[in-house]
Amino acid sequence: MKEPPLRISGDADRYDHRVGNDDYTQAGNLFRLMKPDEKRRLIENIVSAMKPVPRYIQERQIQHFLKADPEYGTGVAKGLGLTLPVAA
């Protein structure tokens, strides 16, 4: 369903939602709050889901996990049989 038009006056521009936002801090903080067994299960679930994914995508995704927390990225990489550093 299409949104109704919005009546405005003055200048309108686009908002860049990426400016000032950090996509990694919250994920890393959550990971660090987890108990060791919770971290292990999370990593195992991610590894299981990512095994059929092409290697180049696995390598790119590992970079995101590493930015959130080095232990997180290293754990997933190890589970996938990838050696760090992986290609960015």
N, C-alpha and C. Protein backbone atom coordinates (compact mmCIF):
# COMPACT_ATOMS: atom_id res chain seq x y z
N MET A 1 0.85 -1.17 0.00
CA MET A 1 0.00 0.00 0.00
C MET A 1 0.90 1.24 0.00
N LYS A 2 0.55 2.19 -0.82
CA LYS A 2 1.32 3.42 -0.95
C LYS A 2 0.97 4.38 0.19
N GLU A 3 2.00 5.03 0.73
CA GLU A 3 1.76 6.04 1.77
C GLU A 3 1.13 7.27 1.15
N PRO A 4 0.28 7.96 1.91
CA PRO A 4 -0.34 9.18 1.37
C PRO A 4 0.72 10.28 1.24
N PRO A 5 0.49 11.23 0.37
CA PRO A 5 1.45 12.33 0.23
C PRO A 5 1.56 13.12 1.53
N LEU A 6 2.73 13.70 1.73
CA LEU A 6 2.99 14.49 2.93
C LEU A 6 3.14 15.94 2.51
N ARG A 7 2.26 16.79 3.01
CA ARG A 7 2.31 18.21 2.67
C ARG A 7 3.40 18.86 3.52
N ILE A 8 4.34 19.52 2.86
CA ILE A 8 5.41 20.21 3.55
C ILE A 8 5.57 21.61 2.99
N SER A 9 6.29 22.43 3.72
CA SER A 9 6.66 23.73 3.19
C SER A 9 8.14 23.92 3.48
N GLY A 10 8.84 24.55 2.60
CA GLY A 10 10.28 24.74 2.79
C GLY A 10 11.07 23.67 2.07
N ASP A 11 12.35 23.60 2.38
CA ASP A 11 13.25 22.65 1.73
C ASP A 11 13.11 21.26 2.32
N ALA A 12 13.26 20.27 1.48
CA ALA A 12 13.28 18.87 1.92
C ALA A 12 14.56 18.23 1.40
N ASP A 13 15.10 17.32 2.16
CA ASP A 13 16.33 16.65 1.77
C ASP A 13 16.29 15.23 2.33
N ARG A 14 17.26 14.45 1.95
CA ARG A 14 17.35 13.08 2.47
C ARG A 14 18.19 13.07 3.74
N TYR A 15 17.84 12.17 4.62
CA TYR A 15 18.56 11.97 5.87
C TYR A 15 19.44 10.75 5.73
N ASP A 16 20.73 10.90 5.97
CA ASP A 16 21.65 9.77 5.91
C ASP A 16 21.69 9.12 7.29
N HIS A 17 20.98 8.01 7.43
CA HIS A 17 20.88 7.34 8.72
C HIS A 17 22.19 6.70 9.17
N ARG A 18 23.18 6.64 8.28
CA ARG A 18 24.47 6.03 8.64
C ARG A 18 25.38 6.99 9.40
N VAL A 19 25.18 8.28 9.20
CA VAL A 19 26.02 9.27 9.86
C VAL A 19 25.77 9.22 11.37
N GLY A 20 26.83 9.03 12.11
CA GLY A 20 26.72 9.00 13.56
C GLY A 20 26.24 7.67 14.13
N ASN A 21 25.95 6.71 13.29
CA ASN A 21 25.49 5.41 13.77
C ASN A 21 26.62 4.40 13.69
N ASP A 22 26.69 3.53 14.66
CA ASP A 22 27.70 2.51 14.74
C ASP A 22 26.98 1.16 14.75
N ASP A 23 27.22 0.37 13.74
CA ASP A 23 26.51 -0.90 13.61
C ASP A 23 27.13 -2.02 14.44
N TYR A 24 28.22 -1.77 15.13
CA TYR A 24 28.96 -2.85 15.78
C TYR A 24 28.97 -2.79 17.31
N THR A 25 28.90 -1.62 17.90
CA THR A 25 29.03 -1.50 19.36
C THR A 25 27.94 -2.28 20.09
N GLN A 26 26.71 -2.11 19.68
CA GLN A 26 25.61 -2.78 20.39
C GLN A 26 25.74 -4.30 20.27
N ALA A 27 26.07 -4.79 19.08
CA ALA A 27 26.23 -6.24 18.90
C ALA A 27 27.39 -6.76 19.75
N GLY A 28 28.49 -6.02 19.79
CA GLY A 28 29.63 -6.43 20.60
C GLY A 28 29.32 -6.41 22.08
N ASN A 29 28.63 -5.38 22.53
CA ASN A 29 28.25 -5.29 23.94
C ASN A 29 27.36 -6.46 24.35
N LEU A 30 26.41 -6.80 23.50
CA LEU A 30 25.52 -7.92 23.79
C LEU A 30 26.33 -9.22 23.87
N PHE A 31 27.24 -9.42 22.92
CA PHE A 31 28.06 -10.63 22.93
C PHE A 31 28.87 -10.72 24.22
N ARG A 32 29.45 -9.61 24.64
CA ARG A 32 30.27 -9.61 25.86
C ARG A 32 29.45 -9.83 27.14
N LEU A 33 28.16 -9.56 27.10
CA LEU A 33 27.29 -9.83 28.24
C LEU A 33 26.94 -11.31 28.38
N MET A 34 27.10 -12.05 27.31
CA MET A 34 26.70 -13.45 27.31
C MET A 34 27.64 -14.31 28.15
N LYS A 35 27.07 -15.34 28.73
CA LYS A 35 27.86 -16.34 29.45
C LYS A 35 28.60 -17.19 28.42
N PRO A 36 29.69 -17.83 28.83
CA PRO A 36 30.46 -18.64 27.87
C PRO A 36 29.64 -19.66 27.09
N ASP A 37 28.72 -20.35 27.75
CA ASP A 37 27.91 -21.34 27.02
C ASP A 37 26.96 -20.67 26.03
N GLU A 38 26.49 -19.46 26.35
CA GLU A 38 25.62 -18.73 25.42
C GLU A 38 26.42 -18.29 24.20
N LYS A 39 27.64 -17.82 24.41
CA LYS A 39 28.51 -17.44 23.30
C LYS A 39 28.77 -18.65 22.40
N ARG A 40 29.06 -19.79 23.03
CA ARG A 40 29.34 -21.00 22.26
C ARG A 40 28.14 -21.40 21.40
N ARG A 41 26.95 -21.37 21.98
CA ARG A 41 25.74 -21.74 21.23
C ARG A 41 25.48 -20.76 20.10
N LEU A 42 25.66 -19.47 20.37
CA LEU A 42 25.47 -18.47 19.32
C LEU A 42 26.41 -18.74 18.15
N ILE A 43 27.68 -18.93 18.46
CA ILE A 43 28.67 -19.17 17.41
C ILE A 43 28.35 -20.46 16.66
N GLU A 44 27.98 -21.51 17.38
CA GLU A 44 27.62 -22.78 16.71
C GLU A 44 26.43 -22.60 15.77
N ASN A 45 25.43 -21.84 16.20
CA ASN A 45 24.26 -21.60 15.35
C ASN A 45 24.62 -20.81 14.10
N ILE A 46 25.47 -19.80 14.27
CA ILE A 46 25.89 -19.00 13.11
C ILE A 46 26.71 -19.85 12.16
N VAL A 47 27.63 -20.62 12.70
CA VAL A 47 28.47 -21.49 11.87
C VAL A 47 27.61 -22.47 11.09
N SER A 48 26.66 -23.08 11.76
CA SER A 48 25.77 -24.04 11.11
C SER A 48 25.00 -23.38 9.96
N ALA A 49 24.52 -22.17 10.18
CA ALA A 49 23.76 -21.47 9.15
C ALA A 49 24.65 -21.00 7.99
N MET A 50 25.92 -20.72 8.29
CA MET A 50 26.81 -20.15 7.27
C MET A 50 27.60 -21.20 6.48
N LYS A 51 27.60 -22.45 6.92
CA LYS A 51 28.40 -23.47 6.22
C LYS A 51 28.07 -23.58 4.73
N PRO A 52 26.79 -23.54 4.33
CA PRO A 52 26.50 -23.66 2.90
C PRO A 52 26.72 -22.36 2.10
N VAL A 53 27.04 -21.28 2.78
CA VAL A 53 27.23 -19.98 2.13
C VAL A 53 28.58 -19.95 1.41
N PRO A 54 28.65 -19.34 0.23
CA PRO A 54 29.94 -19.26 -0.47
C PRO A 54 31.03 -18.65 0.41
N ARG A 55 32.24 -19.15 0.23
CA ARG A 55 33.37 -18.74 1.08
C ARG A 55 33.60 -17.23 1.07
N TYR A 56 33.49 -16.60 -0.10
CA TYR A 56 33.76 -15.15 -0.15
C TYR A 56 32.76 -14.38 0.71
N ILE A 57 31.55 -14.87 0.83
CA ILE A 57 30.55 -14.21 1.68
C ILE A 57 30.87 -14.49 3.15
N GLN A 58 31.29 -15.71 3.46
CA GLN A 58 31.71 -16.03 4.82
C GLN A 58 32.83 -15.09 5.25
N GLU A 59 33.81 -14.90 4.38
CA GLU A 59 34.95 -14.04 4.70
C GLU A 59 34.52 -12.60 4.94
N ARG A 60 33.59 -12.11 4.12
CA ARG A 60 33.11 -10.74 4.32
C ARG A 60 32.34 -10.62 5.63
N GLN A 61 31.54 -11.62 5.95
CA GLN A 61 30.75 -11.57 7.17
C GLN A 61 31.63 -11.64 8.41
N ILE A 62 32.71 -12.41 8.35
CA ILE A 62 33.63 -12.51 9.48
C ILE A 62 34.14 -11.11 9.85
N GLN A 63 34.36 -10.26 8.87
CA GLN A 63 34.84 -8.90 9.14
C GLN A 63 33.85 -8.14 10.03
N HIS A 64 32.56 -8.36 9.81
CA HIS A 64 31.54 -7.71 10.64
C HIS A 64 31.57 -8.24 12.07
N PHE A 65 31.68 -9.56 12.21
CA PHE A 65 31.75 -10.15 13.55
C PHE A 65 32.99 -9.66 14.28
N LEU A 66 34.12 -9.56 13.60
CA LEU A 66 35.35 -9.08 14.22
C LEU A 66 35.22 -7.64 14.70
N LYS A 67 34.52 -6.81 13.94
CA LYS A 67 34.33 -5.41 14.34
C LYS A 67 33.46 -5.31 15.58
N ALA A 68 32.52 -6.24 15.73
CA ALA A 68 31.67 -6.25 16.93
C ALA A 68 32.48 -6.70 18.14
N ASP A 69 33.25 -7.78 17.97
CA ASP A 69 34.09 -8.29 19.06
C ASP A 69 35.08 -9.30 18.46
N PRO A 70 36.37 -9.16 18.75
CA PRO A 70 37.37 -10.07 18.19
C PRO A 70 37.10 -11.55 18.52
N GLU A 71 36.65 -11.83 19.73
CA GLU A 71 36.35 -13.21 20.11
C GLU A 71 35.20 -13.78 19.28
N TYR A 72 34.23 -12.94 19.01
CA TYR A 72 33.06 -13.31 18.22
C TYR A 72 33.50 -13.68 16.80
N GLY A 73 34.24 -12.80 16.16
CA GLY A 73 34.69 -13.06 14.80
C GLY A 73 35.62 -14.24 14.71
N THR A 74 36.53 -14.36 15.66
CA THR A 74 37.48 -15.46 15.66
C THR A 74 36.76 -16.79 15.85
N GLY A 75 35.77 -16.81 16.74
CA GLY A 75 35.01 -18.04 16.98
C GLY A 75 34.26 -18.51 15.75
N VAL A 76 33.62 -17.60 15.05
CA VAL A 76 32.88 -17.97 13.84
C VAL A 76 33.86 -18.41 12.75
N ALA A 77 34.95 -17.67 12.60
CA ALA A 77 35.95 -18.02 11.59
C ALA A 77 36.50 -19.43 11.85
N LYS A 78 36.84 -19.70 13.08
CA LYS A 78 37.38 -21.02 13.44
C LYS A 78 36.36 -22.11 13.14
N GLY A 79 35.10 -21.87 13.50
CA GLY A 79 34.05 -22.85 13.24
C GLY A 79 33.85 -23.14 11.76
N LEU A 80 34.10 -22.13 10.93
CA LEU A 80 33.97 -22.29 9.49
C LEU A 80 35.26 -22.81 8.84
N GLY A 81 36.31 -22.96 9.64
CA GLY A 81 37.57 -23.43 9.10
C GLY A 81 38.34 -22.36 8.37
N LEU A 82 38.06 -21.10 8.67
CA LEU A 82 38.75 -19.99 8.03
C LEU A 82 39.92 -19.54 8.91
N THR A 83 41.00 -19.19 8.28
CA THR A 83 42.17 -18.70 8.99
C THR A 83 42.18 -17.19 8.96
N LEU A 84 42.40 -16.57 10.11
CA LEU A 84 42.49 -15.11 10.15
C LEU A 84 43.90 -14.69 9.79
N PRO A 85 44.16 -13.58 9.15
CA PRO A 85 43.14 -12.66 8.67
C PRO A 85 42.53 -13.15 7.37
N VAL A 86 41.21 -13.01 7.27
CA VAL A 86 40.50 -13.35 6.04
C VAL A 86 40.41 -12.11 5.18
N ALA A 87 40.13 -12.29 3.93
CA ALA A 87 40.03 -11.16 3.00
C ALA A 87 38.92 -10.23 3.44
N ALA A 88 39.17 -8.94 3.30
CA ALA A 88 38.14 -7.95 3.69
C ALA A 88 37.14 -7.75 2.57
